[in-house]
Amino acid sequence: MGYQIIFYIQPDIFYSMKKFLLWFTPGLILGGLIILGSGKLIIKTSTNEFCMSCHIHPLADASWKRSVHYDTQSGIRVGCAECHLPPKGQGYLWAKTTTGLRDLWGYLFKDSASFDWEAKGRLEYARGHVYESSCIKCHENLFPAKLTKEGEDAHLYYIQQKKTPDLHCINCHLNAGHYIEGYTHGSNSTFGKVSSAPKEVFTEPTPVTEFKSFTEKIPKSAVSFNMIAIPGGTFKMGSLPDEPFRKADEGPVIEVEISPFFMAEVEVTWDEYLAFYVQTSAEGRSTDTEGLRSGMKADSDVDAISGATPPYGQPDQGWGLGQRPAISFSYHAAETYCKWLSQVTGKTYRLPSEAEWEYACRAGSTTPYFFPGDPNKFEKTGLRARLSKNDTAVINTYVVYNGNSPSRTQAPDYVKPNPFGLKNMLGNVAEFCADWYQPDAYSHYPEGIIKDPAGPEEGEERVVRGGSFMNYAGALRSAARDYTRTEAWLKTDPQMPKSIWWYSDCFNVGFRVVCEFDTLTGNTSSEQ
């Protein structure tokens, strides 16, 4: 006898299942279409053509097409998203969404003509828009067979220092994605071979017989520069507690007496520095010029000065040489330059003391700047991205700074001089001083008038004064102080050992020379 099992589905349950299928099936199909569509949408919005529809910057496309990522040896063409977004699975969708919304906002509500495209191509900006993980995804092998010894050292340093925040593949390969004219990474052995100076070659330095401004001539070169006679006097060094943007290391205010001295009208230019670089290099060194001092013969026993080794990369950052201030060299290089200049001219050249620098900068003024103006007003205007030219008319006349500079140094004729006749004492590039830096240095001086203070007897870093093209107005006051950061400024130098001549991470500091008014420059009195 067989049995039959009969399943009975109640009408209300059957109705519910039917309703569920009627809603679920279209939803499933729609969800699948959305997923498929989203995938295609992601691909579509990651093309170079789509990127360029918002990024109205034709030079970016042109420079990409000239780069090694466009015409690769393997034939693979690297696009915008492959460098400017992380690999998929490593925050890709989030980065794509946030980047897309930011770019869309800029496209709709900002004027692309107002963008400083050159500044956006600089290393410090590019680090935030190029994903190192994307570099490593494609370049898995950092030690390919044809890599040079120099490249091996650089990549080994990269691996050893991989957790260093500022160390990125583009520190050495900034031009990989976008071609940069004249860009060099690695040892730059051809740097400095050509100067824009006139072709007349000087045979003798300028004789100085009185305390009067003069034009120095560098022997065996076509280079000359102006030295301004700075009269002696007294002044109050530092800033009062109520000065806007004042920092604690600017006080207490001390009274200082300064002896007369000569100071260069402008920071040491590339023409000047390259005269030193060429004459003290292995090829250019000439024993009959390095030993010359007043009264010394060419064959005297004066030690020859060995100059800088070739730089790693492009020290001028591609901004140009000539009369622009020299940058990227170390404090050691600046001191060596002064020693060399003293030998070839027969005078006593050196870096200024911090007191001499502030005295020359103030030029008799007691206000935050040597020109009239409120630091608060200048600073706020600068932060508003230069919207109000009327508020900055005065400071723009005397200073190359963040508010008026296209993210680079400028030639001396960009500004007017201070009352002593010195240009760019504030801004353009900051300047090395001879003093060791201590934040409480002023408090260690005795009461009364201090004559020609030379700063602390020892320290770890040197004083830097004057601010640069990178700073806003608050950091450019006459009393504002800063200091070298030797370790940080060499952080991304991959050489072993690191260079003592060139900084890898500092492009906004230079120096100007002073010349003592002593027996070598015409002062025959016992008191100066």
Protein backbone atom coordinates (compact mmCIF):
# COMPACT_ATOMS: atom_id res chain seq x y z
CA MET A 1 0.00 0.00 0.00
CA GLY A 2 1.62 3.29 -1.10
CA TYR A 3 1.50 6.67 0.50
CA GLN A 4 1.31 10.11 -1.09
CA ILE A 5 2.68 13.18 0.55
CA ILE A 6 0.81 16.26 -0.45
CA PHE A 7 2.28 19.75 0.31
CA TYR A 8 -0.25 22.41 0.78
CA ILE A 9 0.74 26.07 0.54
CA GLN A 10 -1.59 28.45 2.13
CA PRO A 11 -2.80 31.19 -0.20
CA ASP A 12 -1.38 34.02 1.93
CA ILE A 13 2.13 32.48 1.96
CA PHE A 14 2.02 31.87 -1.79
CA TYR A 15 0.95 35.43 -2.32
CA SER A 16 3.83 36.72 -0.16
CA MET A 17 6.41 34.67 -2.10
CA LYS A 18 5.03 35.87 -5.38
CA LYS A 19 5.19 39.46 -4.19
CA PHE A 20 8.76 38.96 -2.99
CA LEU A 21 9.84 37.55 -6.36
CA LEU A 22 8.14 40.36 -8.20
CA TRP A 23 10.18 42.92 -6.23
CA PHE A 24 13.40 40.96 -5.79
CA THR A 25 13.94 39.93 -9.41
CA PRO A 26 13.86 43.47 -10.86
CA GLY A 27 15.97 44.66 -7.94
CA LEU A 28 18.49 41.93 -8.59
CA ILE A 29 18.61 42.83 -12.27
CA LEU A 30 18.86 46.57 -11.48
CA GLY A 31 21.60 45.94 -8.91
CA GLY A 32 23.55 43.91 -11.44
CA LEU A 33 23.15 46.65 -14.03
CA ILE A 34 24.29 49.27 -11.49
CA ILE A 35 27.36 47.22 -10.61
CA LEU A 36 28.19 46.64 -14.25
CA GLY A 37 27.45 50.26 -15.03
CA SER A 38 29.50 51.48 -12.11
CA GLY A 39 32.44 49.45 -13.30
CA LYS A 40 32.14 50.94 -16.75
CA LEU A 41 31.62 54.40 -15.24
CA ILE A 42 34.77 54.02 -13.14
CA ILE A 43 36.73 52.99 -16.23
CA LYS A 44 35.23 55.83 -18.29
CA THR A 45 35.99 58.49 -15.66
CA SER A 46 39.57 57.24 -15.26
CA THR A 47 40.63 57.93 -18.83
CA ASN A 48 43.02 60.72 -19.68
CA GLU A 49 40.38 62.35 -21.88
CA PHE A 50 37.94 62.56 -18.99
CA CYS A 51 40.62 63.93 -16.64
CA MET A 52 41.54 66.62 -19.14
CA SER A 53 37.91 67.68 -19.49
CA CYS A 54 38.10 69.15 -15.98
CA HIS A 55 41.83 69.86 -15.67
CA ILE A 56 42.03 72.74 -18.11
CA HIS A 57 45.81 72.75 -18.22
CA PRO A 58 47.07 71.87 -21.72
CA LEU A 59 50.69 71.93 -20.58
CA ALA A 60 49.98 68.94 -18.32
CA ASP A 61 48.87 66.87 -21.30
CA ALA A 62 51.76 68.08 -23.45
CA SER A 63 54.36 67.38 -20.76
CA TRP A 64 52.86 63.91 -20.15
CA LYS A 65 53.22 63.08 -23.85
CA ARG A 66 56.93 63.99 -23.65
CA SER A 67 57.56 61.92 -20.54
CA VAL A 68 59.03 58.42 -20.19
CA HIS A 69 55.62 57.19 -19.02
CA TYR A 70 54.08 57.97 -22.40
CA ASP A 71 56.60 56.37 -24.74
CA THR A 72 57.81 53.47 -22.63
CA GLN A 73 60.22 50.73 -23.68
CA SER A 74 57.56 48.10 -22.97
CA GLY A 75 54.91 49.91 -25.00
CA ILE A 76 52.63 50.30 -21.96
CA ARG A 77 51.26 53.83 -21.70
CA VAL A 78 50.80 55.11 -18.15
CA GLY A 79 47.76 57.34 -17.70
CA CYS A 80 46.69 60.01 -15.21
CA ALA A 81 44.77 57.72 -12.83
CA GLU A 82 47.61 55.21 -12.59
CA CYS A 83 49.81 57.75 -10.81
CA HIS A 84 47.31 60.14 -9.25
CA LEU A 85 45.15 57.43 -7.66
CA PRO A 86 46.25 54.51 -5.47
CA PRO A 87 46.04 50.92 -6.77
CA LYS A 88 42.62 49.25 -6.61
CA GLY A 89 42.02 47.66 -3.25
CA GLN A 90 44.22 50.23 -1.49
CA GLY A 91 41.72 53.03 -1.00
CA TYR A 92 41.10 53.49 -4.71
CA LEU A 93 37.36 54.22 -4.63
CA TRP A 94 37.61 56.61 -1.69
CA ALA A 95 40.51 58.52 -3.28
CA LYS A 96 38.72 58.63 -6.62
CA THR A 97 35.54 59.98 -5.01
CA THR A 98 37.21 62.66 -2.91
CA THR A 99 39.57 63.68 -5.74
CA GLY A 100 36.70 63.84 -8.21
CA LEU A 101 34.54 65.99 -5.94
CA ARG A 102 37.45 68.34 -5.26
CA ASP A 103 38.23 68.68 -8.96
CA LEU A 104 34.58 69.19 -9.84
CA TRP A 105 34.31 71.96 -7.26
CA GLY A 106 37.40 73.64 -8.69
CA TYR A 107 36.08 73.30 -12.22
CA LEU A 108 32.69 74.85 -11.39
CA PHE A 109 33.63 77.55 -8.92
CA LYS A 110 37.30 78.48 -9.49
CA ASP A 111 39.10 80.31 -12.25
CA SER A 112 41.76 78.04 -13.72
CA ALA A 113 43.62 81.09 -15.01
CA SER A 114 44.38 82.06 -11.42
CA PHE A 115 46.13 78.78 -10.59
CA ASP A 116 49.88 78.81 -10.14
CA TRP A 117 50.59 75.77 -12.31
CA GLU A 118 54.36 76.00 -11.84
CA ALA A 119 53.95 75.83 -8.07
CA LYS A 120 51.69 72.78 -8.42
CA GLY A 121 54.48 71.02 -10.28
CA ARG A 122 56.95 71.45 -7.43
CA LEU A 123 58.02 68.46 -5.37
CA GLU A 124 56.36 69.50 -2.11
CA TYR A 125 52.98 69.80 -3.87
CA ALA A 126 53.40 66.76 -6.13
CA ARG A 127 54.06 64.49 -3.14
CA GLY A 128 50.43 64.93 -2.12
CA HIS A 129 49.06 64.00 -5.54
CA VAL A 130 51.24 61.08 -6.62
CA TYR A 131 50.76 57.79 -4.79
CA GLU A 132 53.96 55.98 -3.90
CA SER A 133 51.99 52.72 -3.77
CA SER A 134 51.19 53.22 -7.45
CA CYS A 135 54.88 53.65 -8.25
CA ILE A 136 55.75 50.43 -6.44
CA LYS A 137 52.87 48.52 -8.08
CA CYS A 138 54.49 48.95 -11.48
CA HIS A 139 58.14 49.11 -10.42
CA GLU A 140 58.32 46.04 -8.22
CA ASN A 141 62.01 45.35 -8.88
CA LEU A 142 64.09 48.25 -7.61
CA PHE A 143 67.34 46.62 -8.66
CA PRO A 144 67.01 45.71 -12.34
CA ALA A 145 70.04 44.37 -14.18
CA LYS A 146 70.86 47.61 -16.01
CA LEU A 147 70.62 49.88 -12.95
CA THR A 148 73.73 52.01 -12.41
CA LYS A 149 75.80 51.91 -9.23
CA GLU A 150 74.49 55.38 -8.40
CA GLY A 151 70.93 54.12 -8.85
CA GLU A 152 71.61 51.09 -6.68
CA ASP A 153 72.86 53.34 -3.87
CA ALA A 154 69.80 55.58 -4.21
CA HIS A 155 67.34 52.68 -4.15
CA LEU A 156 69.15 51.04 -1.24
CA TYR A 157 68.86 54.30 0.69
CA TYR A 158 65.16 54.43 -0.20
CA ILE A 159 64.58 50.94 1.22
CA GLN A 160 66.53 51.73 4.39
CA GLN A 161 64.62 54.99 4.96
CA LYS A 162 61.26 53.88 3.60
CA LYS A 163 59.32 55.18 6.60
CA THR A 164 60.74 58.69 6.25
CA PRO A 165 57.68 60.92 5.57
CA ASP A 166 59.31 63.15 2.95
CA LEU A 167 61.05 60.35 1.08
CA HIS A 168 59.10 59.54 -2.08
CA CYS A 169 59.95 58.01 -5.44
CA ILE A 170 59.41 61.38 -7.12
CA ASN A 171 62.18 62.96 -5.06
CA CYS A 172 64.48 61.58 -7.75
CA HIS A 173 61.92 60.94 -10.50
CA LEU A 174 59.83 64.12 -10.50
CA ASN A 175 59.88 64.23 -14.31
CA ALA A 176 58.74 60.62 -14.81
CA GLY A 177 55.09 61.48 -15.36
CA HIS A 178 55.48 65.01 -16.74
CA TYR A 179 58.53 66.07 -18.71
CA ILE A 180 60.53 68.94 -17.17
CA GLU A 181 62.93 70.81 -19.44
CA GLY A 182 66.50 70.54 -18.16
CA TYR A 183 65.58 68.29 -15.24
CA THR A 184 68.38 66.11 -13.91
CA HIS A 185 68.51 63.49 -11.21
CA GLY A 186 71.75 61.86 -10.23
CA SER A 187 75.19 63.44 -10.31
CA ASN A 188 75.07 66.57 -12.44
CA SER A 189 78.64 66.75 -13.74
CA THR A 190 77.82 69.38 -16.38
CA PHE A 191 76.26 71.84 -13.94
CA GLY A 192 77.88 75.27 -13.93
CA LYS A 193 79.76 74.97 -17.19
CA VAL A 194 78.02 78.00 -18.72
CA SER A 195 77.48 81.39 -17.08
CA SER A 196 75.32 84.26 -18.31
CA ALA A 197 77.86 86.86 -17.17
CA PRO A 198 79.55 89.23 -19.67
CA LYS A 199 82.61 87.95 -21.52
CA GLU A 200 85.14 90.47 -20.21
CA VAL A 201 87.58 88.70 -17.91
CA PHE A 202 89.06 90.59 -14.96
CA THR A 203 92.72 90.17 -14.11
CA GLU A 204 92.78 91.98 -10.76
CA PRO A 205 90.35 92.58 -7.90
CA THR A 206 89.13 96.10 -7.16
CA PRO A 207 91.54 98.09 -4.94
CA VAL A 208 89.85 99.73 -1.94
CA THR A 209 91.57 102.65 -0.23
CA GLU A 210 88.68 104.33 1.59
CA PHE A 211 85.38 103.52 3.25
CA LYS A 212 83.22 103.93 0.21
CA SER A 213 80.93 101.60 -1.74
CA PHE A 214 82.73 99.76 -4.54
CA THR A 215 82.26 97.15 -7.23
CA GLU A 216 84.29 94.01 -6.57
CA LYS A 217 85.79 92.13 -9.50
CA ILE A 218 86.56 88.43 -9.25
CA PRO A 219 89.92 87.73 -10.93
CA LYS A 220 90.05 85.21 -13.79
CA SER A 221 86.30 85.60 -14.26
CA ALA A 222 83.79 87.92 -15.91
CA VAL A 223 81.91 88.46 -12.65
CA SER A 224 81.57 91.60 -10.56
CA PHE A 225 79.22 92.62 -7.74
CA ASN A 226 78.46 95.72 -5.68
CA MET A 227 79.58 96.14 -2.08
CA ILE A 228 77.79 98.81 -0.02
CA ALA A 229 79.58 100.74 2.72
CA ILE A 230 77.49 100.35 5.88
CA PRO A 231 78.31 103.10 8.42
CA GLY A 232 78.77 102.11 12.03
CA GLY A 233 76.21 103.00 14.67
CA THR A 234 73.98 101.72 17.47
CA PHE A 235 70.54 100.14 17.30
CA LYS A 236 68.09 98.11 19.33
CA MET A 237 68.27 94.47 18.27
CA GLY A 238 65.23 92.23 18.58
CA SER A 239 61.51 92.96 18.90
CA LEU A 240 59.20 94.14 21.66
CA PRO A 241 56.63 91.74 23.13
CA ASP A 242 53.71 93.49 21.41
CA GLU A 243 55.09 93.21 17.85
CA PRO A 244 52.74 91.13 15.66
CA PHE A 245 53.96 87.57 14.95
CA ARG A 246 56.82 87.99 17.41
CA LYS A 247 58.45 84.79 18.69
CA ALA A 248 60.16 84.30 22.02
CA ASP A 249 63.64 83.98 20.49
CA GLU A 250 63.48 87.61 19.29
CA GLY A 251 64.05 89.03 22.75
CA PRO A 252 64.80 90.56 25.07
CA VAL A 253 65.69 93.67 23.09
CA ILE A 254 69.38 94.56 23.46
CA GLU A 255 71.32 97.67 22.50
CA VAL A 256 74.16 96.98 20.07
CA GLU A 257 77.01 99.02 18.60
CA ILE A 258 78.19 97.99 15.13
CA SER A 259 81.53 98.93 13.54
CA PRO A 260 81.60 100.02 9.87
CA PHE A 261 81.68 97.22 7.30
CA PHE A 262 80.88 96.51 3.67
CA MET A 263 77.91 94.34 2.71
CA ALA A 264 76.92 92.93 -0.69
CA GLU A 265 74.07 94.77 -2.35
CA VAL A 266 72.34 91.47 -3.13
CA GLU A 267 72.59 87.83 -2.16
CA VAL A 268 75.41 85.89 -3.83
CA THR A 269 74.19 85.22 -7.36
CA TRP A 270 74.65 82.11 -9.45
CA ASP A 271 77.18 83.99 -11.60
CA GLU A 272 79.26 84.69 -8.49
CA TYR A 273 78.92 81.22 -7.02
CA LEU A 274 79.71 79.50 -10.31
CA ALA A 275 82.93 81.50 -10.61
CA PHE A 276 83.94 79.83 -7.35
CA TYR A 277 82.56 76.47 -8.42
CA VAL A 278 84.47 76.41 -11.70
CA GLN A 279 87.77 77.79 -10.37
CA THR A 280 87.87 75.36 -7.44
CA SER A 281 86.73 72.26 -9.30
CA ALA A 282 89.18 69.54 -10.28
CA GLU A 283 89.23 70.78 -13.89
CA GLY A 284 89.17 74.50 -13.19
CA ARG A 285 91.50 74.76 -10.21
CA SER A 286 94.42 77.04 -10.92
CA THR A 287 97.24 77.21 -8.40
CA ASP A 288 98.23 80.70 -9.49
CA THR A 289 94.82 82.13 -8.53
CA GLU A 290 93.98 80.27 -5.34
CA GLY A 291 96.92 81.50 -3.33
CA LEU A 292 96.58 85.17 -4.14
CA ARG A 293 96.22 87.51 -1.22
CA SER A 294 97.57 90.98 -0.73
CA GLY A 295 101.36 90.78 -0.77
CA MET A 296 101.47 87.02 -1.43
CA LYS A 297 103.11 85.39 -4.40
CA ALA A 298 101.38 82.86 -6.62
CA ASP A 299 103.78 80.13 -5.56
CA SER A 300 103.33 80.76 -1.84
CA ASP A 301 102.43 77.98 0.59
CA VAL A 302 98.79 79.00 0.93
CA ASP A 303 96.63 75.88 0.96
CA ALA A 304 94.55 75.43 -2.17
CA ILE A 305 90.80 75.48 -1.62
CA SER A 306 88.90 72.47 -2.91
CA GLY A 307 85.45 73.45 -4.05
CA ALA A 308 82.12 71.69 -4.22
CA THR A 309 81.59 68.30 -5.79
CA PRO A 310 79.00 68.11 -8.60
CA PRO A 311 75.46 68.50 -7.27
CA TYR A 312 72.88 65.74 -7.21
CA GLY A 313 70.09 66.96 -9.46
CA GLN A 314 69.43 70.55 -10.50
CA PRO A 315 70.31 73.02 -7.71
CA ASP A 316 68.61 75.98 -9.38
CA GLN A 317 65.34 73.99 -9.61
CA GLY A 318 65.12 74.94 -13.26
CA TRP A 319 64.39 78.58 -12.40
CA GLY A 320 67.50 79.86 -14.11
CA LEU A 321 71.00 80.96 -13.11
CA GLY A 322 72.58 84.33 -13.87
CA GLN A 323 71.59 87.03 -11.38
CA ARG A 324 69.15 84.93 -9.39
CA PRO A 325 70.39 84.14 -5.88
CA ALA A 326 72.34 80.90 -5.61
CA ILE A 327 70.52 78.22 -3.60
CA SER A 328 70.71 74.57 -2.51
CA PHE A 329 74.30 74.73 -1.24
CA SER A 330 75.20 73.99 2.37
CA TYR A 331 76.41 76.28 5.13
CA HIS A 332 79.83 74.66 4.71
CA ALA A 333 79.81 75.63 1.03
CA ALA A 334 78.94 79.25 1.89
CA GLU A 335 81.82 79.46 4.37
CA THR A 336 84.21 77.94 1.84
CA TYR A 337 83.08 80.45 -0.78
CA CYS A 338 83.93 83.32 1.59
CA LYS A 339 87.35 81.83 2.26
CA TRP A 340 88.00 81.48 -1.46
CA LEU A 341 86.75 85.00 -2.22
CA SER A 342 89.10 86.38 0.44
CA GLN A 343 92.04 84.63 -1.20
CA VAL A 344 91.39 85.71 -4.77
CA THR A 345 90.59 89.35 -3.89
CA GLY A 346 93.08 89.94 -1.08
CA LYS A 347 90.33 91.20 1.24
CA THR A 348 88.55 89.75 4.27
CA TYR A 349 85.21 88.38 3.16
CA ARG A 350 82.94 86.40 5.48
CA LEU A 351 79.34 85.75 6.45
CA PRO A 352 77.65 88.54 8.43
CA SER A 353 77.08 88.25 12.14
CA GLU A 354 73.43 88.19 13.13
CA ALA A 355 73.78 91.66 14.65
CA GLU A 356 75.37 93.06 11.47
CA TRP A 357 72.61 91.53 9.41
CA GLU A 358 69.76 93.04 11.44
CA TYR A 359 71.51 96.42 11.67
CA ALA A 360 71.96 96.51 7.88
CA CYS A 361 68.41 95.33 7.29
CA ARG A 362 66.81 97.91 9.57
CA ALA A 363 68.89 100.74 8.07
CA GLY A 364 67.87 103.06 10.90
CA SER A 365 64.27 101.86 11.23
CA THR A 366 62.69 100.68 14.50
CA THR A 367 59.44 99.28 13.07
CA PRO A 368 58.72 95.65 12.06
CA TYR A 369 59.96 96.37 8.53
CA PHE A 370 62.33 98.99 7.14
CA PHE A 371 59.30 100.31 5.22
CA PRO A 372 55.89 101.34 6.65
CA GLY A 373 53.23 98.69 7.08
CA ASP A 374 51.28 96.51 9.48
CA PRO A 375 52.35 92.83 9.57
CA ASN A 376 48.80 91.80 10.43
CA LYS A 377 47.39 93.50 7.36
CA PHE A 378 50.11 92.16 5.07
CA GLU A 379 49.69 88.62 6.41
CA LYS A 380 45.91 88.56 6.02
CA THR A 381 46.16 89.89 2.49
CA GLY A 382 48.69 87.22 1.59
CA LEU A 383 46.46 84.48 2.97
CA ARG A 384 43.61 85.79 0.81
CA ALA A 385 45.70 84.76 -2.19
CA ARG A 386 46.67 88.27 -3.24
CA LEU A 387 43.11 89.49 -3.76
CA SER A 388 43.82 93.02 -2.57
CA LYS A 389 46.74 94.59 -4.39
CA ASN A 390 46.19 97.96 -2.72
CA ASP A 391 46.93 96.53 0.72
CA THR A 392 50.24 95.08 -0.45
CA ALA A 393 51.53 97.85 -2.71
CA VAL A 394 54.31 98.84 -0.29
CA ILE A 395 55.57 95.40 0.69
CA ASN A 396 55.44 94.24 -2.94
CA THR A 397 57.83 97.06 -3.79
CA TYR A 398 60.56 95.84 -1.41
CA VAL A 399 60.01 92.12 -0.83
CA VAL A 400 59.84 88.88 -2.85
CA TYR A 401 57.54 86.70 -0.73
CA ASN A 402 54.58 84.33 -0.90
CA GLY A 403 52.22 87.19 -1.66
CA ASN A 404 53.85 88.27 -4.95
CA SER A 405 56.30 85.59 -6.07
CA PRO A 406 55.42 82.87 -8.58
CA SER A 407 56.82 80.24 -6.19
CA ARG A 408 60.44 80.88 -7.06
CA THR A 409 63.36 83.24 -6.55
CA GLN A 410 63.69 86.45 -8.52
CA ALA A 411 66.52 88.57 -9.93
CA PRO A 412 67.61 91.67 -7.93
CA ASP A 413 65.77 94.20 -10.10
CA TYR A 414 62.43 92.76 -8.92
CA VAL A 415 62.49 95.02 -5.83
CA LYS A 416 63.75 98.37 -4.57
CA PRO A 417 66.61 98.66 -2.02
CA ASN A 418 66.34 99.61 1.64
CA PRO A 419 67.68 103.01 2.84
CA PHE A 420 71.25 101.61 2.97
CA GLY A 421 70.99 100.51 -0.66
CA LEU A 422 70.65 96.77 0.03
CA LYS A 423 68.16 94.69 -1.96
CA ASN A 424 66.18 91.65 -0.82
CA MET A 425 67.19 91.86 2.82
CA LEU A 426 63.69 90.58 3.48
CA GLY A 427 62.38 87.80 1.26
CA ASN A 428 63.62 86.19 -1.96
CA VAL A 429 65.92 83.78 -0.11
CA ALA A 430 66.70 83.60 3.57
CA GLU A 431 70.37 84.17 4.45
CA PHE A 432 73.00 82.34 6.49
CA CYS A 433 74.61 84.25 9.34
CA ALA A 434 77.83 83.35 11.13
CA ASP A 435 76.29 82.95 14.60
CA TRP A 436 75.38 79.69 16.26
CA TYR A 437 71.64 79.63 16.95
CA GLN A 438 70.26 79.58 20.46
CA PRO A 439 66.66 80.61 21.20
CA ASP A 440 67.71 82.55 24.31
CA ALA A 441 70.93 84.03 22.91
CA TYR A 442 69.98 87.67 23.63
CA SER A 443 69.36 87.02 27.30
CA HIS A 444 72.99 85.96 27.82
CA TYR A 445 74.48 89.32 26.84
CA PRO A 446 75.49 91.72 29.66
CA GLU A 447 73.60 94.92 30.36
CA GLY A 448 74.60 98.06 28.51
CA ILE A 449 75.69 98.59 24.93
CA ILE A 450 77.21 95.47 23.38
CA LYS A 451 79.81 96.08 20.69
CA ASP A 452 79.88 93.79 17.64
CA PRO A 453 78.32 90.71 19.28
CA ALA A 454 79.22 87.43 17.62
CA GLY A 455 76.62 85.19 19.23
CA PRO A 456 77.08 81.99 21.28
CA GLU A 457 80.48 80.30 21.29
CA GLU A 458 79.04 76.93 20.28
CA GLY A 459 75.87 75.27 19.05
CA GLU A 460 74.42 72.76 16.62
CA GLU A 461 72.73 74.94 13.99
CA ARG A 462 73.43 78.37 12.51
CA VAL A 463 71.23 81.46 12.40
CA VAL A 464 69.20 82.14 9.25
CA ARG A 465 67.68 85.57 8.68
CA GLY A 466 65.37 87.38 6.29
CA GLY A 467 62.68 84.90 5.18
CA SER A 468 62.13 83.87 1.56
CA PHE A 469 59.76 83.71 -1.39
CA MET A 470 57.97 80.87 0.45
CA ASN A 471 57.03 82.91 3.54
CA TYR A 472 54.07 85.14 4.32
CA ALA A 473 54.67 88.63 5.65
CA GLY A 474 54.69 87.73 9.36
CA ALA A 475 57.94 85.76 9.00
CA LEU A 476 59.69 88.56 7.09
CA ARG A 477 60.02 91.14 9.84
CA SER A 478 63.48 92.62 10.50
CA ALA A 479 63.74 90.89 13.90
CA ALA A 480 62.43 87.47 12.81
CA ARG A 481 64.91 84.65 13.41
CA ASP A 482 65.30 81.16 12.01
CA TYR A 483 68.03 78.53 11.88
CA THR A 484 69.51 75.81 9.69
CA ARG A 485 68.09 72.30 9.82
CA THR A 486 71.00 70.24 8.59
CA GLU A 487 69.52 66.78 9.05
CA ALA A 488 66.11 67.66 7.61
CA TRP A 489 67.66 69.48 4.64
CA LEU A 490 69.60 66.33 3.73
CA LYS A 491 66.82 63.86 4.45
CA THR A 492 66.22 62.78 0.86
CA ASP A 493 69.85 62.89 -0.30
CA PRO A 494 70.41 59.27 -1.41
CA GLN A 495 74.19 59.56 -1.72
CA MET A 496 76.49 57.56 0.52
CA PRO A 497 77.88 59.48 2.30
CA LYS A 498 75.60 62.50 2.07
CA SER A 499 76.98 65.65 0.45
CA ILE A 500 78.67 68.28 2.60
CA TRP A 501 78.24 70.80 -0.24
CA TRP A 502 74.62 70.57 -1.38
CA TYR A 503 71.25 70.33 0.38
CA SER A 504 68.67 67.99 -1.13
CA ASP A 505 65.66 69.55 0.62
CA CYS A 506 66.33 73.28 0.94
CA PHE A 507 65.80 75.65 -1.98
CA ASN A 508 64.98 78.89 -0.19
CA VAL A 509 68.22 79.79 1.63
CA GLY A 510 71.26 81.61 0.28
CA PHE A 511 73.69 84.15 1.70
CA ARG A 512 75.30 87.53 1.15
CA VAL A 513 78.86 88.40 2.02
CA VAL A 514 80.33 91.15 4.13
CA CYS A 515 83.83 92.57 3.82
CA GLU A 516 85.67 93.88 6.83
CA PHE A 517 86.98 97.43 6.79
CA ASP A 518 90.49 96.44 7.84
CA THR A 519 94.09 96.89 6.71
CA LEU A 520 93.40 94.75 3.62
CA THR A 521 90.65 97.10 2.44
CA GLY A 522 92.18 100.47 3.06
CA ASN A 523 91.68 101.09 6.78
CA THR A 524 95.18 101.73 8.09
CA SER A 525 94.08 102.91 11.52
CA SER A 526 94.39 100.65 14.53
CA GLU A 527 90.73 101.23 15.41
CA GLN A 528 88.02 100.22 12.95
